[in-house]
Protein backbone atom coordinates (compact mmCIF):
# COMPACT_ATOMS: atom_id res chain seq x y z
CA MET A 1 63.93 26.31 59.02
CA ALA A 2 63.78 26.16 62.80
CA PHE A 3 67.25 27.73 63.01
CA ILE A 4 66.28 30.55 60.63
CA SER A 5 63.05 31.18 62.54
CA GLN A 6 64.92 31.35 65.85
CA PHE A 7 67.57 33.60 64.32
CA VAL A 8 64.94 36.05 63.06
CA ARG A 9 63.07 36.05 66.38
CA GLU A 10 66.27 36.82 68.29
CA TYR A 11 67.19 39.57 65.85
CA LEU A 12 63.76 41.20 65.99
CA LEU A 13 63.82 41.14 69.79
CA ALA A 14 67.20 42.91 69.71
CA VAL A 15 65.73 45.49 67.32
CA GLN A 16 62.73 45.93 69.62
CA PHE A 17 64.95 46.34 72.67
CA PHE A 18 67.52 48.74 71.21
CA THR A 19 65.64 50.85 68.67
CA ARG A 20 62.40 52.77 68.30
CA ILE A 21 61.36 50.60 65.36
CA PRO A 22 57.91 49.27 66.31
CA ILE A 23 57.57 45.51 66.61
CA THR A 24 53.88 45.21 67.41
CA GLY A 25 50.75 43.19 66.84
CA ARG A 26 50.99 39.69 65.44
CA LEU A 27 54.69 40.12 64.70
CA ALA A 28 55.41 40.91 68.36
CA GLY A 29 53.32 37.91 69.37
CA TRP A 30 55.34 35.68 67.06
CA VAL A 31 58.66 37.04 68.35
CA GLY A 32 57.59 36.55 71.96
CA TYR A 33 59.65 37.27 75.03
CA SER A 34 61.51 35.40 77.70
CA PRO A 35 64.70 36.10 79.65
CA ALA A 36 66.38 33.29 77.72
CA LEU A 37 65.34 34.76 74.37
CA LEU A 38 66.52 38.23 75.43
CA ARG A 39 69.82 36.72 76.54
CA ALA A 40 70.21 35.02 73.16
CA SER A 41 69.39 38.27 71.34
CA ALA A 42 72.63 39.80 72.65
CA ALA A 43 74.42 38.08 69.76
CA HIS A 44 72.52 40.36 67.38
CA PHE A 45 73.48 43.72 68.87
CA PRO A 46 75.92 44.29 65.99
CA GLY A 47 73.00 43.48 63.67
CA VAL A 48 71.13 46.39 65.24
CA GLY A 49 74.22 48.42 64.35
CA VAL A 50 73.57 47.53 60.72
CA LEU A 51 70.24 49.38 60.90
CA ALA A 52 71.79 52.37 62.69
CA GLY A 53 74.70 52.47 60.25
CA LEU A 54 72.42 52.26 57.22
CA ALA A 55 70.25 55.09 58.55
CA ALA A 56 73.29 57.27 59.21
CA ALA A 57 74.82 56.41 55.84
CA ALA A 58 71.60 57.11 53.94
CA VAL A 59 71.20 60.55 55.52
CA TYR A 60 74.89 61.38 55.00
CA ALA A 61 74.84 60.31 51.34
CA LEU A 62 71.59 62.11 50.57
CA LEU A 63 72.72 65.37 52.13
CA LEU A 64 76.14 65.18 50.49
CA ALA A 65 74.38 64.84 47.14
CA VAL A 66 71.92 67.74 47.55
CA LEU A 67 73.85 70.30 49.62
CA PRO A 68 75.94 73.03 47.96
CA ASP A 69 79.47 72.00 47.09
CA THR A 70 81.25 73.73 49.99
CA SER A 71 83.69 72.70 52.71
CA PHE A 72 80.86 72.87 55.27
CA SER A 73 78.66 70.27 53.56
CA PRO A 74 80.34 67.27 55.27
CA LEU A 75 79.85 68.98 58.63
CA VAL A 76 76.12 69.45 58.05
CA ALA A 77 75.78 65.89 56.76
CA ALA A 78 77.68 64.53 59.77
CA ALA A 79 75.50 66.42 62.25
CA LEU A 80 72.20 65.34 60.69
CA SER A 81 73.30 61.72 60.23
CA SER A 82 74.00 61.66 63.96
CA VAL A 83 70.52 63.06 64.58
CA ALA A 84 69.10 60.21 62.49
CA THR A 85 70.79 57.54 64.61
CA VAL A 86 69.64 59.15 67.85
CA LEU A 87 66.06 59.21 66.56
CA LEU A 88 66.33 55.59 65.49
CA THR A 89 67.74 54.29 68.77
CA GLY A 90 66.04 56.73 71.12
CA GLY A 91 69.44 57.84 72.43
CA PHE A 92 69.71 54.55 74.33
CA HIS A 93 73.51 54.40 74.29
CA GLU A 94 73.95 58.14 74.74
CA ASP A 95 71.80 57.90 77.88
CA GLY A 96 74.12 55.17 79.17
CA LEU A 97 77.14 57.37 78.55
CA ALA A 98 75.58 60.24 80.47
CA ASP A 99 74.64 58.01 83.41
CA VAL A 100 78.13 56.50 83.61
CA ALA A 101 79.76 59.92 83.47
CA ASP A 102 77.50 61.20 86.24
CA GLY A 103 78.14 58.15 88.40
CA LEU A 104 81.90 57.92 88.01
CA GLY A 105 82.33 61.67 88.04
CA GLY A 106 79.99 62.25 90.95
CA SER A 107 81.58 59.94 93.50
CA TYR A 108 84.65 57.77 94.02
CA ASP A 109 82.63 55.47 96.26
CA ARG A 110 81.45 52.44 94.31
CA ASP A 111 78.00 52.10 95.88
CA ARG A 112 77.32 55.82 95.65
CA ALA A 113 78.41 55.85 92.00
CA LEU A 114 76.00 53.01 91.22
CA ASP A 115 73.18 54.87 92.96
CA ILE A 116 73.87 58.01 90.91
CA MET A 117 73.84 55.98 87.71
CA LYS A 118 70.28 54.82 88.50
CA ASP A 119 69.06 58.43 88.67
CA SER A 120 67.28 59.35 85.43
CA ARG A 121 68.29 63.00 85.75
CA VAL A 122 71.34 64.21 83.84
CA GLY A 123 73.97 65.99 85.91
CA ALA A 124 76.90 68.20 84.98
CA PHE A 125 79.26 65.31 84.24
CA GLY A 126 76.68 63.57 82.07
CA ALA A 127 75.89 66.75 80.14
CA MET A 128 79.57 67.39 79.48
CA ALA A 129 80.15 63.80 78.38
CA LEU A 130 77.21 63.90 75.97
CA MET A 131 78.24 67.25 74.51
CA LEU A 132 81.86 66.21 74.02
CA ALA A 133 80.94 62.79 72.61
CA LEU A 134 78.54 64.20 70.04
CA LEU A 135 81.00 66.96 69.17
CA ALA A 136 83.80 64.43 68.69
CA LYS A 137 81.62 62.17 66.55
CA VAL A 138 80.36 64.96 64.30
CA ALA A 139 83.81 66.50 63.96
CA LEU A 140 85.42 63.17 63.03
CA LEU A 141 82.73 62.33 60.47
CA ALA A 142 83.09 65.79 58.96
CA LEU A 143 86.85 65.30 58.83
CA LEU A 144 86.48 61.92 57.13
CA GLY A 145 84.18 63.53 54.58
CA SER A 146 86.72 66.26 53.88
CA VAL A 147 89.98 64.33 53.93
CA GLU A 148 92.27 64.94 50.97
CA GLY A 149 91.88 62.30 48.31
CA VAL A 150 88.22 61.61 49.08
CA PRO A 151 86.05 63.51 46.57
CA VAL A 152 83.19 65.59 47.88
CA SER A 153 82.14 67.54 44.78
CA LEU A 154 78.67 66.99 43.35
CA GLU A 155 80.04 65.20 40.29
CA GLU A 156 81.94 62.74 42.48
CA ALA A 157 79.38 62.51 45.27
CA PRO A 158 78.50 58.82 44.66
CA PHE A 159 82.08 57.72 45.39
CA ALA A 160 82.37 60.00 48.41
CA SER A 161 79.05 58.70 49.71
CA TRP A 162 80.19 55.09 49.28
CA TYR A 163 83.37 55.77 51.23
CA LEU A 164 81.56 57.40 54.14
CA CYS A 165 78.66 54.95 54.08
CA THR A 166 80.93 51.95 54.56
CA ALA A 167 82.83 53.72 57.34
CA LEU A 168 79.58 54.57 59.14
CA LEU A 169 78.23 51.05 58.76
CA ALA A 170 81.43 49.44 60.06
CA GLY A 171 81.68 51.90 62.95
CA HIS A 172 78.15 51.25 64.17
CA VAL A 173 78.45 47.48 63.86
CA VAL A 174 81.92 47.05 65.41
CA SER A 175 81.13 49.40 68.30
CA ARG A 176 78.11 47.25 69.18
CA GLY A 177 80.06 44.02 68.99
CA LEU A 178 82.99 44.92 71.23
CA PRO A 179 80.97 45.73 74.41
CA LEU A 180 79.70 42.14 74.43
CA LEU A 181 83.16 41.16 75.63
CA LEU A 182 82.42 43.03 78.85
CA ILE A 183 79.52 40.66 79.45
CA ARG A 184 81.89 37.76 79.00
CA LEU A 185 84.72 39.11 81.15
CA LEU A 186 83.08 41.16 83.93
CA PRO A 187 80.27 40.47 86.42
CA HIS A 188 77.02 42.39 86.25
CA VAL A 189 76.76 44.73 89.26
CA GLY A 190 73.49 46.53 88.55
CA ASP A 191 70.28 46.18 90.52
CA SER A 192 69.18 42.66 89.56
CA ALA A 193 65.54 43.30 90.42
CA ALA A 194 65.17 46.56 88.48
CA SER A 195 67.74 46.24 85.70
CA LYS A 196 66.33 45.58 82.24
CA SER A 197 69.78 44.46 81.11
CA LYS A 198 70.14 41.72 83.74
CA PRO A 199 68.92 38.89 81.47
CA LEU A 200 71.42 40.08 78.87
CA ALA A 201 74.21 40.22 81.38
CA ASP A 202 73.92 36.81 83.03
CA GLN A 203 76.58 35.55 80.64
CA ILE A 204 77.25 35.25 76.95
CA SER A 205 78.50 32.02 75.44
CA LEU A 206 81.36 31.69 73.02
CA GLY A 207 78.86 30.56 70.38
CA ARG A 208 76.90 33.78 70.79
CA LEU A 209 80.10 35.80 70.51
CA VAL A 210 80.85 34.01 67.25
CA ILE A 211 77.46 35.08 65.88
CA ALA A 212 78.06 38.66 67.05
CA PHE A 213 81.47 38.92 65.47
CA THR A 214 80.19 37.33 62.27
CA TRP A 215 78.00 40.42 61.95
CA CYS A 216 81.16 42.50 62.44
CA PHE A 217 83.11 40.47 59.88
CA TRP A 218 80.58 41.07 57.13
CA ALA A 219 80.38 44.79 57.90
CA LEU A 220 84.17 45.08 57.75
CA ALA A 221 84.26 43.00 54.55
CA LEU A 222 81.86 45.47 52.95
CA ALA A 223 83.92 48.41 54.22
CA ALA A 224 87.02 46.81 52.70
CA LEU A 225 85.52 47.45 49.27
CA ALA A 226 86.04 51.17 49.82
CA LEU A 227 88.85 51.28 52.39
CA ASP A 228 92.31 49.75 52.51
CA ALA A 229 92.86 46.91 54.94
CA ILE A 230 95.36 49.00 56.91
CA ASN A 231 92.69 51.68 57.42
CA LEU A 232 90.30 49.14 58.92
CA ILE A 233 93.00 47.50 61.03
CA VAL A 234 93.97 50.83 62.57
CA ALA A 235 90.31 51.81 63.12
CA CYS A 236 89.52 48.49 64.79
CA SER A 237 92.69 48.73 66.89
CA PHE A 238 91.62 52.10 68.23
CA ALA A 239 88.17 50.68 69.05
CA VAL A 240 89.72 47.71 70.87
CA LEU A 241 91.99 50.02 72.86
CA ALA A 242 88.91 52.04 73.85
CA LEU A 243 87.21 48.82 74.97
CA LEU A 244 90.21 47.81 77.08
CA TRP A 245 90.33 51.25 78.69
CA MET A 246 86.60 51.19 79.50
CA GLY A 247 86.81 47.64 80.83
CA ARG A 248 89.73 48.56 83.09
CA LEU A 249 87.83 51.62 84.32
CA PHE A 250 84.73 49.61 85.18
CA ARG A 251 86.72 46.86 86.87
CA ARG A 252 88.62 49.36 89.00
CA ARG A 253 85.75 51.68 89.90
CA LEU A 254 82.70 49.39 89.90
CA GLN A 255 84.15 45.86 90.09
CA GLY A 256 81.89 45.00 87.17
CA PHE A 257 79.50 46.57 84.66
CA THR A 258 75.90 47.68 84.30
CA GLY A 259 73.68 48.16 81.26
CA ASP A 260 74.70 51.82 81.22
CA CYS A 261 78.32 50.73 80.98
CA LEU A 262 77.55 48.80 77.80
CA GLY A 263 75.94 51.87 76.24
CA ALA A 264 78.82 54.10 77.27
CA THR A 265 81.33 51.62 75.86
CA GLN A 266 79.48 51.53 72.54
CA GLN A 267 79.73 55.30 72.24
CA VAL A 268 83.41 55.43 73.14
CA CYS A 269 84.29 52.56 70.79
CA GLU A 270 82.40 54.17 67.92
CA ILE A 271 84.24 57.45 68.38
CA ALA A 272 87.55 55.59 68.67
CA PHE A 273 86.81 53.72 65.43
CA TYR A 274 86.30 56.97 63.52
CA LEU A 275 89.40 58.47 65.15
CA GLY A 276 91.51 55.49 64.13
CA LEU A 277 90.18 55.70 60.59
CA ALA A 278 90.97 59.41 60.43
CA VAL A 279 94.50 58.84 61.73
CA SER A 280 95.11 56.03 59.23
CA LEU A 281 94.09 58.28 56.35
């Protein structure tokens, strides 16, 4: 019972930290807070992806069922499912992507780039990165909803919804698990005094990584009910390649990572997952 209680507390703290879902009152008092508890909650980031993936999948499936049977229906469903995830998370990861793009695009000097990333204002590089990332995500989800062999007519909507729902769930979960490897492999270079992510970034143990990737395993196992194993292998391979590219970029330009880097990596890995899935199909 103590293990289950601790597991739930860690998970709820991760939900509180990375979503707009209110954890208040007596429940918040029971969950509590400490740097150690926040550090432990990192193992449940992929579990937060379960909530984001379910929200996106529910909106996609509902819209696919009620919209007219046209070739544009998957595009509308993809756009509004993305809106749902942004509302759920408060654009936390998208904000990280914009900050990283502004910092790395605004200066080749490491210290200056880190200073730019702390600025809450969005610059030209950040705006372009956000626009292109959202465009890529919506386009890929629309493509996956329209691919030949995947039914999208009203009569076959339940199967089409199942296919896309599992892909969305797996994409959100896996893309939140992979950035945890950056915490393991790179030093945190943000402002220790001001950074909210510093307790998360002190280090992550192998045991915590096992918990995180257990979340990923179950999401992929569910996706395997609708997708072939080769589809998932290719999708995950693309996401891993994206992680390696982002890690190399941060090591070369920043000599480490910040909380914004984790958010940016999540976005890039999610897009890469959908791209790999589309290529495999």
